[in-house]
Amino acid sequence: MIDRETDFQLLDASSNGVSLGWHGNAILIRDPSLVLRVQRIVLSGLEPRGAVRIDLDIDNGLTIVAVHLGLLRRDRQTQLSELNEMTSDAANTIIAGDFNEWSQTKGLEPLSNRFQTCSPGQTFHARRPVAGLDRFALSGGIEMRDAGVAQGNLAKNASDHLPIWSDISLNMASTTY
């Protein structure tokens, strides 16, 4: 359906050739020729969690990490520390997905030295959103021009979280990705 209904392609991040992603993370892209690397990341914690990192050949490079973090704050903070360290080699990084953090003021401290975080709106539970658990974390050099939450009927039925989207500028250039 993705191929038929959109101009996106699913990046292969599964370990079994059957799944659409890795630990609930999937990345869709319009131009797969920009992808330099796809990496599955196992995150530590009480429950099995993971992330998918892609490195793109755009300007000075762009790294995007799709995440599904743990339910316990101490696990999430460890996972965010791991992701911060794992992306320290990347000039421009976006970490996006289900941060599972209910607080707007606590829990994201492991990213505060390199990233600005943005919750574009309430995403959970999809049928009656009351919390902004899904976020973007942007490293310096990336400007958030706009962001939001998709709230159509298909989005409400696809998952227990509504999808988030963003419009960014890389290195303050005028190019939008």
N, C-alpha and C. Protein backbone atom coordinates (compact mmCIF):
# COMPACT_ATOMS: atom_id res chain seq x y z
N MET A 1 0.82 -1.18 0.00
CA MET A 1 0.00 0.00 0.00
C MET A 1 0.87 1.25 0.00
N ILE A 2 1.99 1.23 0.74
CA ILE A 2 2.88 2.40 0.77
C ILE A 2 3.35 2.72 -0.65
N ASP A 3 3.79 1.71 -1.38
CA ASP A 3 4.23 1.92 -2.76
C ASP A 3 3.11 2.43 -3.65
N ARG A 4 1.92 1.87 -3.46
CA ARG A 4 0.79 2.19 -4.32
C ARG A 4 0.21 3.57 -4.02
N GLU A 5 0.16 3.96 -2.75
CA GLU A 5 -0.57 5.16 -2.35
C GLU A 5 0.32 6.40 -2.13
N THR A 6 1.64 6.21 -2.04
CA THR A 6 2.51 7.35 -1.72
C THR A 6 3.73 7.37 -2.64
N ASP A 7 4.53 8.42 -2.50
CA ASP A 7 5.80 8.47 -3.23
C ASP A 7 6.97 8.13 -2.30
N PHE A 8 6.67 7.45 -1.19
CA PHE A 8 7.70 7.02 -0.23
C PHE A 8 8.06 5.57 -0.45
N GLN A 9 9.28 5.24 -0.02
CA GLN A 9 9.72 3.85 -0.01
C GLN A 9 10.12 3.49 1.41
N LEU A 10 9.84 2.27 1.81
CA LEU A 10 10.19 1.78 3.14
C LEU A 10 11.64 1.33 3.13
N LEU A 11 12.44 1.85 4.07
CA LEU A 11 13.82 1.39 4.20
C LEU A 11 13.82 0.04 4.91
N ASP A 12 14.64 -0.86 4.44
CA ASP A 12 14.71 -2.18 5.06
C ASP A 12 15.50 -2.09 6.35
N ALA A 13 14.79 -2.20 7.48
CA ALA A 13 15.45 -2.15 8.78
C ALA A 13 15.16 -3.41 9.59
N SER A 14 14.38 -4.32 9.03
CA SER A 14 14.02 -5.51 9.79
C SER A 14 15.19 -6.48 9.84
N SER A 15 15.16 -7.32 10.85
CA SER A 15 16.19 -8.35 10.98
C SER A 15 15.71 -9.69 10.45
N ASN A 16 14.41 -9.78 10.13
CA ASN A 16 13.87 -11.06 9.71
C ASN A 16 13.31 -11.07 8.29
N GLY A 17 13.34 -9.95 7.59
CA GLY A 17 12.85 -9.91 6.22
C GLY A 17 11.34 -9.91 6.10
N VAL A 18 10.63 -9.97 7.23
CA VAL A 18 9.18 -10.00 7.21
C VAL A 18 8.60 -8.72 7.80
N SER A 19 9.19 -8.26 8.89
CA SER A 19 8.70 -7.10 9.59
C SER A 19 8.89 -5.85 8.74
N LEU A 20 8.10 -4.82 9.03
CA LEU A 20 8.25 -3.54 8.35
C LEU A 20 9.34 -2.68 8.99
N GLY A 21 9.83 -3.07 10.14
CA GLY A 21 10.81 -2.23 10.82
C GLY A 21 11.55 -2.97 11.90
N TRP A 22 11.91 -2.24 12.93
CA TRP A 22 12.72 -2.77 14.02
C TRP A 22 12.19 -2.19 15.33
N HIS A 23 11.67 -3.02 16.21
CA HIS A 23 11.13 -2.61 17.51
C HIS A 23 10.11 -1.48 17.36
N GLY A 24 9.25 -1.59 16.37
CA GLY A 24 8.20 -0.59 16.19
C GLY A 24 8.64 0.63 15.41
N ASN A 25 9.84 0.63 14.88
CA ASN A 25 10.35 1.78 14.13
C ASN A 25 10.47 1.44 12.65
N ALA A 26 9.92 2.30 11.84
CA ALA A 26 10.06 2.17 10.39
C ALA A 26 10.38 3.55 9.84
N ILE A 27 11.17 3.59 8.79
CA ILE A 27 11.51 4.87 8.17
C ILE A 27 11.12 4.81 6.70
N LEU A 28 10.37 5.82 6.29
CA LEU A 28 9.96 5.98 4.90
C LEU A 28 10.77 7.12 4.31
N ILE A 29 11.16 6.97 3.05
CA ILE A 29 11.98 7.99 2.40
C ILE A 29 11.57 8.12 0.93
N ARG A 30 11.67 9.33 0.41
CA ARG A 30 11.35 9.54 -1.00
C ARG A 30 12.50 9.14 -1.92
N ASP A 31 13.73 9.44 -1.52
CA ASP A 31 14.88 9.19 -2.38
C ASP A 31 15.89 8.29 -1.66
N PRO A 32 15.76 6.98 -1.80
CA PRO A 32 16.67 6.06 -1.10
C PRO A 32 18.12 6.17 -1.55
N SER A 33 18.39 6.83 -2.68
CA SER A 33 19.77 6.99 -3.12
C SER A 33 20.56 7.90 -2.18
N LEU A 34 19.87 8.65 -1.32
CA LEU A 34 20.54 9.52 -0.35
C LEU A 34 21.04 8.77 0.88
N VAL A 35 20.58 7.53 1.06
CA VAL A 35 20.91 6.77 2.27
C VAL A 35 22.32 6.19 2.16
N LEU A 36 23.15 6.57 3.13
CA LEU A 36 24.50 6.04 3.21
C LEU A 36 24.57 4.80 4.09
N ARG A 37 23.72 4.76 5.14
CA ARG A 37 23.78 3.65 6.09
C ARG A 37 22.46 3.53 6.82
N VAL A 38 22.05 2.29 7.08
CA VAL A 38 20.92 1.98 7.94
C VAL A 38 21.45 1.10 9.06
N GLN A 39 21.17 1.49 10.31
CA GLN A 39 21.69 0.74 11.45
C GLN A 39 20.57 0.46 12.44
N ARG A 40 20.40 -0.80 12.81
CA ARG A 40 19.49 -1.17 13.90
C ARG A 40 20.23 -1.00 15.22
N ILE A 41 19.57 -0.40 16.19
CA ILE A 41 20.18 -0.15 17.49
C ILE A 41 19.34 -0.83 18.57
N VAL A 42 19.97 -1.68 19.37
CA VAL A 42 19.32 -2.27 20.53
C VAL A 42 19.55 -1.33 21.70
N LEU A 43 18.47 -0.91 22.35
CA LEU A 43 18.57 -0.01 23.49
C LEU A 43 18.45 -0.81 24.79
N SER A 44 19.22 -0.41 25.78
CA SER A 44 19.18 -1.12 27.06
C SER A 44 17.91 -0.76 27.82
N GLY A 45 17.58 -1.60 28.79
CA GLY A 45 16.41 -1.35 29.62
C GLY A 45 15.71 -2.64 29.97
N LEU A 46 14.71 -2.52 30.82
CA LEU A 46 13.96 -3.67 31.31
C LEU A 46 13.20 -4.39 30.20
N GLU A 47 12.64 -3.64 29.27
CA GLU A 47 11.86 -4.21 28.18
C GLU A 47 12.61 -4.06 26.86
N PRO A 48 12.36 -4.94 25.90
CA PRO A 48 13.06 -4.84 24.61
C PRO A 48 12.66 -3.55 23.88
N ARG A 49 13.63 -2.72 23.57
CA ARG A 49 13.40 -1.47 22.84
C ARG A 49 14.51 -1.29 21.83
N GLY A 50 14.23 -0.49 20.82
CA GLY A 50 15.24 -0.27 19.80
C GLY A 50 15.04 1.03 19.07
N ALA A 51 15.97 1.29 18.18
CA ALA A 51 15.95 2.49 17.34
C ALA A 51 16.53 2.12 15.99
N VAL A 52 16.24 2.93 14.99
CA VAL A 52 16.82 2.78 13.66
C VAL A 52 17.51 4.09 13.31
N ARG A 53 18.79 4.00 12.93
CA ARG A 53 19.55 5.17 12.53
C ARG A 53 19.80 5.10 11.03
N ILE A 54 19.56 6.23 10.36
CA ILE A 54 19.97 6.34 8.96
C ILE A 54 20.85 7.57 8.82
N ASP A 55 21.87 7.41 8.00
CA ASP A 55 22.75 8.53 7.66
C ASP A 55 22.49 8.86 6.20
N LEU A 56 22.22 10.15 5.96
CA LEU A 56 21.86 10.61 4.62
C LEU A 56 22.95 11.50 4.04
N ASP A 57 23.12 11.41 2.74
CA ASP A 57 24.08 12.23 2.01
C ASP A 57 23.38 13.52 1.57
N ILE A 58 23.18 14.41 2.54
CA ILE A 58 22.54 15.69 2.31
C ILE A 58 23.43 16.76 2.93
N ASP A 59 23.82 17.76 2.16
CA ASP A 59 24.67 18.85 2.65
C ASP A 59 25.86 18.29 3.42
N ASN A 60 25.99 18.67 4.69
CA ASN A 60 27.08 18.18 5.54
C ASN A 60 26.72 16.86 6.22
N GLY A 61 25.68 16.22 5.75
CA GLY A 61 25.24 14.97 6.35
C GLY A 61 24.07 15.20 7.28
N LEU A 62 23.16 14.26 7.27
CA LEU A 62 22.02 14.30 8.17
C LEU A 62 21.79 12.90 8.71
N THR A 63 21.71 12.80 10.02
CA THR A 63 21.43 11.54 10.68
C THR A 63 20.04 11.63 11.28
N ILE A 64 19.22 10.62 11.01
CA ILE A 64 17.87 10.54 11.58
C ILE A 64 17.79 9.24 12.37
N VAL A 65 17.28 9.35 13.59
CA VAL A 65 17.12 8.18 14.44
C VAL A 65 15.65 8.08 14.82
N ALA A 66 15.01 6.98 14.43
CA ALA A 66 13.62 6.71 14.81
C ALA A 66 13.65 5.88 16.09
N VAL A 67 12.88 6.30 17.10
CA VAL A 67 12.96 5.65 18.41
C VAL A 67 11.60 5.21 18.93
N HIS A 68 11.67 4.21 19.78
CA HIS A 68 10.55 3.78 20.61
C HIS A 68 11.16 3.48 21.97
N LEU A 69 11.10 4.48 22.86
CA LEU A 69 11.79 4.39 24.15
C LEU A 69 10.95 3.64 25.18
N GLY A 70 11.60 3.26 26.26
CA GLY A 70 10.98 2.45 27.31
C GLY A 70 9.91 3.18 28.10
N LEU A 71 9.20 2.40 28.90
CA LEU A 71 8.12 2.94 29.72
C LEU A 71 8.62 3.52 31.04
N LEU A 72 9.77 3.08 31.51
CA LEU A 72 10.33 3.56 32.77
C LEU A 72 11.28 4.73 32.52
N ARG A 73 11.13 5.82 33.29
CA ARG A 73 11.96 7.01 33.07
C ARG A 73 13.45 6.69 33.16
N ARG A 74 13.85 5.89 34.13
CA ARG A 74 15.29 5.59 34.26
C ARG A 74 15.82 4.88 33.01
N ASP A 75 14.99 4.00 32.41
CA ASP A 75 15.39 3.34 31.16
C ASP A 75 15.46 4.35 30.02
N ARG A 76 14.45 5.23 29.94
CA ARG A 76 14.44 6.24 28.87
C ARG A 76 15.66 7.14 28.96
N GLN A 77 16.01 7.54 30.16
CA GLN A 77 17.16 8.42 30.31
C GLN A 77 18.45 7.72 29.91
N THR A 78 18.58 6.44 30.25
CA THR A 78 19.74 5.67 29.81
C THR A 78 19.74 5.55 28.29
N GLN A 79 18.58 5.28 27.71
CA GLN A 79 18.46 5.14 26.26
C GLN A 79 18.80 6.46 25.55
N LEU A 80 18.34 7.58 26.08
CA LEU A 80 18.66 8.88 25.49
C LEU A 80 20.15 9.17 25.60
N SER A 81 20.76 8.80 26.71
CA SER A 81 22.22 8.96 26.85
C SER A 81 22.95 8.13 25.81
N GLU A 82 22.51 6.89 25.61
CA GLU A 82 23.12 6.02 24.60
C GLU A 82 22.99 6.64 23.21
N LEU A 83 21.80 7.15 22.89
CA LEU A 83 21.58 7.74 21.57
C LEU A 83 22.41 9.01 21.39
N ASN A 84 22.53 9.80 22.43
CA ASN A 84 23.36 11.01 22.37
C ASN A 84 24.80 10.62 22.05
N GLU A 85 25.31 9.60 22.73
CA GLU A 85 26.68 9.14 22.50
C GLU A 85 26.83 8.53 21.10
N MET A 86 25.86 7.71 20.69
CA MET A 86 25.95 7.03 19.39
C MET A 86 25.88 7.98 18.20
N THR A 87 25.34 9.18 18.43
CA THR A 87 25.22 10.14 17.33
C THR A 87 26.22 11.29 17.46
N SER A 88 27.15 11.18 18.37
CA SER A 88 28.11 12.27 18.58
C SER A 88 28.99 12.49 17.36
N ASP A 89 29.08 11.49 16.46
CA ASP A 89 29.87 11.62 15.24
C ASP A 89 29.13 12.35 14.13
N ALA A 90 27.87 12.65 14.34
CA ALA A 90 27.03 13.25 13.29
C ALA A 90 26.91 14.76 13.49
N ALA A 91 27.14 15.51 12.43
CA ALA A 91 27.04 16.96 12.51
C ALA A 91 25.60 17.42 12.74
N ASN A 92 24.65 16.80 12.06
CA ASN A 92 23.25 17.18 12.12
C ASN A 92 22.42 15.93 12.43
N THR A 93 21.68 15.98 13.53
CA THR A 93 20.94 14.80 13.96
C THR A 93 19.52 15.16 14.36
N ILE A 94 18.59 14.30 13.94
CA ILE A 94 17.21 14.37 14.40
C ILE A 94 16.88 13.04 15.05
N ILE A 95 16.40 13.08 16.28
CA ILE A 95 15.88 11.89 16.95
C ILE A 95 14.38 12.09 17.02
N ALA A 96 13.62 11.12 16.51
CA ALA A 96 12.18 11.31 16.41
C ALA A 96 11.45 10.03 16.75
N GLY A 97 10.28 10.18 17.36
CA GLY A 97 9.44 9.03 17.61
C GLY A 97 8.78 9.07 18.97
N ASP A 98 8.49 7.87 19.47
CA ASP A 98 7.79 7.69 20.74
C ASP A 98 8.80 7.77 21.89
N PHE A 99 8.86 8.94 22.53
CA PHE A 99 9.76 9.13 23.66
C PHE A 99 9.14 8.59 24.95
N ASN A 100 7.84 8.31 24.94
CA ASN A 100 7.13 7.78 26.11
C ASN A 100 7.30 8.63 27.36
N GLU A 101 7.61 9.90 27.20
CA GLU A 101 7.78 10.80 28.34
C GLU A 101 6.55 11.68 28.48
N TRP A 102 5.89 11.56 29.63
CA TRP A 102 4.67 12.31 29.89
C TRP A 102 4.94 13.74 30.33
N SER A 103 6.07 13.98 30.95
CA SER A 103 6.38 15.31 31.47
C SER A 103 6.87 16.23 30.35
N GLN A 104 6.50 17.49 30.43
CA GLN A 104 7.00 18.50 29.50
C GLN A 104 8.29 19.15 30.01
N THR A 105 8.64 18.88 31.28
CA THR A 105 9.79 19.57 31.88
C THR A 105 10.89 18.63 32.37
N LYS A 106 10.61 17.35 32.51
CA LYS A 106 11.60 16.41 33.05
C LYS A 106 11.76 15.23 32.11
N GLY A 107 12.88 14.51 32.29
CA GLY A 107 13.08 13.25 31.59
C GLY A 107 13.94 13.33 30.35
N LEU A 108 14.11 14.50 29.78
CA LEU A 108 14.86 14.64 28.53
C LEU A 108 16.26 15.23 28.76
N GLU A 109 16.68 15.32 30.01
CA GLU A 109 17.96 15.94 30.36
C GLU A 109 19.16 15.35 29.63
N PRO A 110 19.21 14.04 29.35
CA PRO A 110 20.38 13.50 28.64
C PRO A 110 20.62 14.11 27.26
N LEU A 111 19.61 14.76 26.70
CA LEU A 111 19.77 15.38 25.38
C LEU A 111 20.05 16.88 25.46
N SER A 112 19.91 17.46 26.62
CA SER A 112 19.90 18.93 26.72
C SER A 112 21.20 19.61 26.30
N ASN A 113 22.32 18.90 26.31
CA ASN A 113 23.57 19.54 25.92
C ASN A 113 23.72 19.70 24.41
N ARG A 114 22.99 18.92 23.60
CA ARG A 114 23.13 18.97 22.14
C ARG A 114 21.84 19.20 21.38
N PHE A 115 20.72 18.95 22.01
CA PHE A 115 19.45 18.91 21.29
C PHE A 115 18.41 19.85 21.88
N GLN A 116 17.55 20.34 21.00
CA GLN A 116 16.31 21.00 21.41
C GLN A 116 15.19 20.01 21.12
N THR A 117 14.29 19.85 22.07
CA THR A 117 13.19 18.90 21.85
C THR A 117 11.90 19.66 21.59
N CYS A 118 11.06 19.01 20.80
CA CYS A 118 9.78 19.61 20.41
C CYS A 118 8.71 18.53 20.44
N SER A 119 7.63 18.79 21.14
CA SER A 119 6.45 17.95 21.08
C SER A 119 5.41 18.73 20.29
N PRO A 120 5.12 18.30 19.06
CA PRO A 120 4.23 19.11 18.22
C PRO A 120 2.75 19.06 18.60
N GLY A 121 2.41 18.26 19.61
CA GLY A 121 1.01 18.19 20.03
C GLY A 121 0.71 16.88 20.71
N GLN A 122 -0.53 16.73 21.10
CA GLN A 122 -0.95 15.52 21.79
C GLN A 122 -1.13 14.37 20.80
N THR A 123 -0.49 13.25 21.10
CA THR A 123 -0.47 12.12 20.17
C THR A 123 -1.00 10.82 20.76
N PHE A 124 -1.15 10.76 22.07
CA PHE A 124 -1.53 9.51 22.72
C PHE A 124 -2.72 9.77 23.64
N HIS A 125 -3.65 8.97 23.64
CA HIS A 125 -4.03 7.86 22.82
C HIS A 125 -4.70 8.40 21.56
N ALA A 126 -4.46 7.75 20.43
CA ALA A 126 -4.91 8.25 19.13
C ALA A 126 -6.40 8.57 19.09
N ARG A 127 -7.20 7.78 19.76
CA ARG A 127 -8.65 8.00 19.70
C ARG A 127 -9.10 9.18 20.55
N ARG A 128 -8.32 9.49 21.59
CA ARG A 128 -8.60 10.66 22.43
C ARG A 128 -7.27 11.16 23.00
N PRO A 129 -6.51 11.92 22.20
CA PRO A 129 -5.16 12.33 22.61
C PRO A 129 -5.15 13.23 23.84
N VAL A 130 -4.35 12.83 24.84
CA VAL A 130 -4.22 13.60 26.07
C VAL A 130 -2.76 13.90 26.40
N ALA A 131 -1.80 13.30 25.69
CA ALA A 131 -0.39 13.51 26.02
C ALA A 131 0.46 13.58 24.75
N GLY A 132 1.48 14.41 24.80
CA GLY A 132 2.42 14.55 23.69
C GLY A 132 3.64 13.67 23.91
N LEU A 133 3.47 12.36 23.75
CA LEU A 133 4.57 11.41 24.00
C LEU A 133 5.56 11.34 22.84
N ASP A 134 5.14 11.77 21.67
CA ASP A 134 5.97 11.67 20.47
C ASP A 134 6.64 13.02 20.22
N ARG A 135 7.95 12.96 19.92
CA ARG A 135 8.74 14.19 19.88
C ARG A 135 9.80 14.14 18.79
N PHE A 136 10.34 15.33 18.55
CA PHE A 136 11.54 15.51 17.74
C PHE A 136 12.60 16.10 18.66
N ALA A 137 13.83 15.64 18.51
CA ALA A 137 14.99 16.27 19.15
C ALA A 137 15.93 16.66 18.02
N LEU A 138 16.26 17.94 17.94
CA LEU A 138 17.06 18.47 16.84
C LEU A 138 18.39 18.99 17.37
N SER A 139 19.48 18.56 16.74
CA SER A 139 20.79 19.09 17.12
C SER A 139 20.95 20.47 16.50
N GLY A 140 21.97 21.21 16.95
CA GLY A 140 22.25 22.53 16.42
C GLY A 140 22.43 22.47 14.90
N GLY A 141 22.08 23.53 14.22
CA GLY A 141 22.19 23.56 12.77
C GLY A 141 20.94 23.09 12.06
N ILE A 142 19.96 22.63 12.81
CA ILE A 142 18.68 22.22 12.22
C ILE A 142 17.61 23.13 12.79
N GLU A 143 16.86 23.73 11.90
CA GLU A 143 15.79 24.64 12.31
C GLU A 143 14.44 23.98 12.08
N MET A 144 13.60 23.99 13.11
CA MET A 144 12.23 23.50 12.99
C MET A 144 11.39 24.65 12.45
N ARG A 145 10.92 24.49 11.21
CA ARG A 145 10.10 25.53 10.59
C ARG A 145 8.64 25.36 10.94
N ASP A 146 8.21 24.10 11.05
CA ASP A 146 6.82 23.81 11.38
C ASP A 146 6.76 22.36 11.82
N ALA A 147 5.77 22.03 12.60
CA ALA A 147 5.57 20.64 13.04
C ALA A 147 4.11 20.48 13.45
N GLY A 148 3.65 19.24 13.42
CA GLY A 148 2.28 19.00 13.80
C GLY A 148 1.98 17.53 14.00
N VAL A 149 0.71 17.27 14.21
CA VAL A 149 0.21 15.92 14.45
C VAL A 149 -0.85 15.62 13.40
N ALA A 150 -0.69 14.51 12.69
CA ALA A 150 -1.71 14.08 11.71
C ALA A 150 -2.91 13.54 12.48
N GLN A 151 -4.10 14.05 12.16
CA GLN A 151 -5.26 13.67 12.95
C GLN A 151 -6.42 13.12 12.13
N GLY A 152 -6.13 12.68 10.91
CA GLY A 152 -7.19 12.12 10.08
C GLY A 152 -7.67 10.77 10.60
N ASN A 153 -8.75 10.28 10.01
CA ASN A 153 -9.31 9.00 10.45
C ASN A 153 -8.35 7.84 10.26
N LEU A 154 -7.59 7.83 9.15
CA LEU A 154 -6.62 6.75 8.95
C LEU A 154 -5.56 6.76 10.05
N ALA A 155 -5.10 7.94 10.41
CA ALA A 155 -4.08 8.06 11.47
C ALA A 155 -4.63 7.56 12.80
N LYS A 156 -5.86 7.85 13.09
CA LYS A 156 -6.46 7.43 14.36
C LYS A 156 -6.64 5.93 14.44
N ASN A 157 -6.76 5.27 13.29
CA ASN A 157 -6.95 3.82 13.28
C ASN A 157 -5.67 3.03 13.11
N ALA A 158 -4.59 3.67 12.68
CA ALA A 158 -3.36 2.96 12.34
C ALA A 158 -2.56 2.53 13.56
N SER A 159 -2.67 3.25 14.66
CA SER A 159 -1.82 2.99 15.83
C SER A 159 -2.49 3.58 17.06
N ASP A 160 -1.91 3.30 18.23
CA ASP A 160 -2.39 3.94 19.44
C ASP A 160 -1.79 5.34 19.61
N HIS A 161 -0.84 5.70 18.74
CA HIS A 161 -0.26 7.05 18.71
C HIS A 161 -0.58 7.69 17.37
N LEU A 162 -0.86 8.98 17.38
CA LEU A 162 -1.00 9.72 16.14
C LEU A 162 0.39 10.04 15.60
N PRO A 163 0.57 10.04 14.28
CA PRO A 163 1.89 10.36 13.72
C PRO A 163 2.21 11.85 13.82
N ILE A 164 3.49 12.13 13.98
CA ILE A 164 3.96 13.51 13.98
C ILE A 164 4.72 13.78 12.69
N TRP A 165 4.79 15.05 12.31
CA TRP A 165 5.51 15.46 11.10
C TRP A 165 6.26 16.75 11.40
N SER A 166 7.27 17.01 10.59
CA SER A 166 8.00 18.28 10.75
C SER A 166 8.48 18.78 9.40
N ASP A 167 8.69 20.07 9.33
CA ASP A 167 9.29 20.75 8.20
C ASP A 167 10.55 21.40 8.76
N ILE A 168 11.71 20.98 8.29
CA ILE A 168 12.96 21.47 8.85
C ILE A 168 13.82 22.12 7.78
N SER A 169 14.75 22.94 8.24
CA SER A 169 15.80 23.48 7.39
C SER A 169 17.12 22.99 7.97
N LEU A 170 17.97 22.50 7.12
CA LEU A 170 19.26 21.99 7.53
C LEU A 170 20.32 23.06 7.37
N ASN A 171 21.09 23.30 8.42
CA ASN A 171 22.16 24.30 8.41
C ASN A 171 21.63 25.69 8.03
N MET A 172 20.40 25.94 8.40
CA MET A 172 19.75 27.21 8.14
C MET A 172 19.68 27.56 6.66
N ALA A 173 19.81 26.54 5.82
CA ALA A 173 19.69 26.76 4.37
C ALA A 173 18.22 26.84 4.00
N SER A 174 17.95 27.16 2.78
CA SER A 174 16.56 27.29 2.35
C SER A 174 15.97 25.97 1.86
N THR A 175 16.79 24.93 1.80
CA THR A 175 16.30 23.65 1.32
C THR A 175 15.47 22.97 2.39
N THR A 176 14.31 22.46 2.01
CA THR A 176 13.43 21.75 2.93
C THR A 176 13.43 20.27 2.58
N TYR A 177 13.53 19.43 3.61
CA TYR A 177 13.53 17.97 3.42
C TYR A 177 12.38 17.36 4.13
